[in-house]
Structure formats: structure tokens, C-alpha cells
Amino acid sequence: MAQPVRQHRGPLSTLSSVLNSDGKAHPVENTFVAATLVLGAVAFITAQFDSLHLVSSWTGLVGVLSGSWGQMISVTTGERFLLVIGLGAAAVGFFLGMAHGGLFGGVLG
């Protein structure tokens, strides 16, 4: 039987077809992908500034945790690919934030 051809009508539909390559919707998994990418980007960007170590360390930590859980529940290769990118950015932001002052920044000691 002939299979219908999927029409991509924009960047969001292309991203959706990459994340949902098995043809099923994965809203929870895709939410973890988006959250990990956003947290990783924020952690990586804020890690470049010494004074923003609290933001980079906390967003990096949350990004690593959400990315790790996303890897555990991911279904498709596209989800795993984007999760690894977000995890890497979050980890770099976390480590640089820790090097610049840590999670509490001298407030607790």
C-alpha cells in the first residue's frame, strides 16, 4: 500500500518530524528536550560572566538533571541528539559557574 508523503510547512513542523520520527506524538519527552536546551543555553551564556555564577550554576544543575531524566525516557534518536547538546551546554555552564563561585556564592560560608 502506498504511504502518504509528509509535507513540511515550516521550521516547527520540521522540528516536530525530527523529534517524533516514529510518527507518534511525545509531548512529555519533547518538553524535556525543550527545557534542557533552554536551560543549557542560559547556563552556557551566563557562565561567560563571572558575576552571573549563581544563575549559571543553578540553571546548569537543573539542566543536567532534566537532560538526564529526558535521556532515560526518550523514545527517538532526534530527542536523544538534542538532549545531548543541551546536556553538554548545561554541564559546561554548571562547571564554569561552580568555578566562578558556586551554587551559593559565599552566602552560606
Protein backbone atom coordinates (compact mmCIF):
# COMPACT_ATOMS: atom_id res chain seq x y z
CA MET A 1 0.00 0.00 0.00
CA ALA A 2 1.27 3.46 -0.82
CA GLN A 3 2.37 5.66 2.06
CA PRO A 4 1.38 9.33 2.13
CA VAL A 5 4.21 11.81 1.83
CA ARG A 6 4.61 14.20 4.77
CA GLN A 7 4.62 17.85 3.84
CA HIS A 8 6.89 20.10 5.89
CA ARG A 9 5.41 23.57 6.07
CA GLY A 10 7.84 25.37 8.34
CA PRO A 11 10.60 25.06 10.90
CA LEU A 12 8.26 23.85 13.67
CA SER A 13 6.86 21.04 11.56
CA THR A 14 10.40 20.06 10.55
CA LEU A 15 11.46 20.01 14.21
CA SER A 16 8.35 18.02 15.08
CA SER A 17 9.13 15.45 12.40
CA VAL A 18 12.68 15.11 13.73
CA LEU A 19 11.58 14.71 17.34
CA ASN A 20 8.63 12.46 16.50
CA SER A 21 10.30 10.38 13.81
CA ASP A 22 8.27 7.30 14.70
CA GLY A 23 5.04 9.07 13.76
CA LYS A 24 3.68 9.32 17.30
CA ALA A 25 3.46 12.41 19.48
CA HIS A 26 5.71 12.53 22.57
CA PRO A 27 4.69 15.69 24.46
CA VAL A 28 6.45 14.83 27.74
CA GLU A 29 9.70 13.83 26.09
CA ASN A 30 9.65 16.87 23.80
CA THR A 31 9.07 19.12 26.82
CA PHE A 32 12.20 17.71 28.46
CA VAL A 33 14.12 18.34 25.23
CA ALA A 34 12.97 21.96 25.06
CA ALA A 35 13.61 22.59 28.77
CA THR A 36 17.10 21.06 28.58
CA LEU A 37 18.01 23.13 25.51
CA VAL A 38 16.79 26.38 27.09
CA LEU A 39 18.47 25.69 30.44
CA GLY A 40 21.67 24.65 28.70
CA ALA A 41 21.73 27.80 26.59
CA VAL A 42 21.10 30.04 29.61
CA ALA A 43 23.75 28.24 31.68
CA PHE A 44 26.33 28.36 28.88
CA ILE A 45 25.76 32.05 28.09
CA THR A 46 25.70 33.24 31.70
CA ALA A 47 28.81 31.18 32.52
CA GLN A 48 30.83 33.58 30.38
CA PHE A 49 30.35 36.31 33.02
CA ASP A 50 31.94 35.91 36.46
CA SER A 51 29.24 37.87 38.25
CA LEU A 52 26.44 35.57 37.00
CA HIS A 53 27.81 32.41 38.59
CA LEU A 54 24.66 31.84 40.63
CA VAL A 55 22.48 31.80 37.51
CA SER A 56 24.86 29.63 35.52
CA SER A 57 25.46 27.11 38.28
CA TRP A 58 21.78 26.66 39.17
CA THR A 59 20.47 26.56 35.60
CA GLY A 60 23.31 24.21 34.70
CA LEU A 61 22.45 21.88 37.56
CA VAL A 62 18.74 21.84 36.70
CA GLY A 63 19.60 21.42 33.02
CA VAL A 64 21.82 18.42 33.73
CA LEU A 65 19.13 16.83 35.88
CA SER A 66 16.33 17.43 33.37
CA GLY A 67 18.51 16.27 30.50
CA SER A 68 19.47 13.12 32.35
CA TRP A 69 15.85 12.29 33.04
CA GLY A 70 14.98 13.13 29.44
CA GLN A 71 17.60 10.64 28.26
CA MET A 72 16.02 7.97 30.44
CA ILE A 73 12.55 8.45 28.94
CA SER A 74 13.44 9.49 25.37
CA VAL A 75 11.99 7.45 22.55
CA THR A 76 13.55 8.67 19.30
CA THR A 77 17.09 9.36 18.16
CA GLY A 78 16.26 13.01 17.44
CA GLU A 79 15.24 13.55 21.05
CA ARG A 80 18.44 11.95 22.29
CA PHE A 81 20.57 14.01 19.90
CA LEU A 82 19.13 17.33 21.09
CA LEU A 83 19.25 16.21 24.72
CA VAL A 84 22.98 15.52 24.45
CA ILE A 85 23.56 19.01 23.02
CA GLY A 86 21.56 20.58 25.86
CA LEU A 87 23.27 18.39 28.44
CA GLY A 88 26.70 19.41 27.19
CA ALA A 89 25.86 23.12 27.32
CA ALA A 90 24.29 22.77 30.77
CA ALA A 91 27.29 20.85 32.09
CA VAL A 92 29.77 23.44 30.80
CA GLY A 93 27.66 26.22 32.33
CA PHE A 94 27.40 24.32 35.61
CA PHE A 95 31.13 23.65 35.86
CA LEU A 96 32.12 27.21 34.96
CA GLY A 97 29.53 28.55 37.41
CA MET A 98 31.00 26.36 40.12
CA ALA A 99 34.49 27.57 39.26
CA HIS A 100 33.40 31.21 39.46
CA GLY A 101 31.73 30.98 42.85
CA GLY A 102 29.43 28.01 43.18
CA LEU A 103 25.78 27.44 43.92
CA PHE A 104 25.59 29.73 46.92
CA GLY A 105 28.29 32.26 46.11
CA GLY A 106 29.62 32.78 49.62
CA VAL A 107 26.18 33.25 51.17
CA LEU A 108 26.50 30.10 53.27
CA GLY A 109 30.08 30.25 54.14
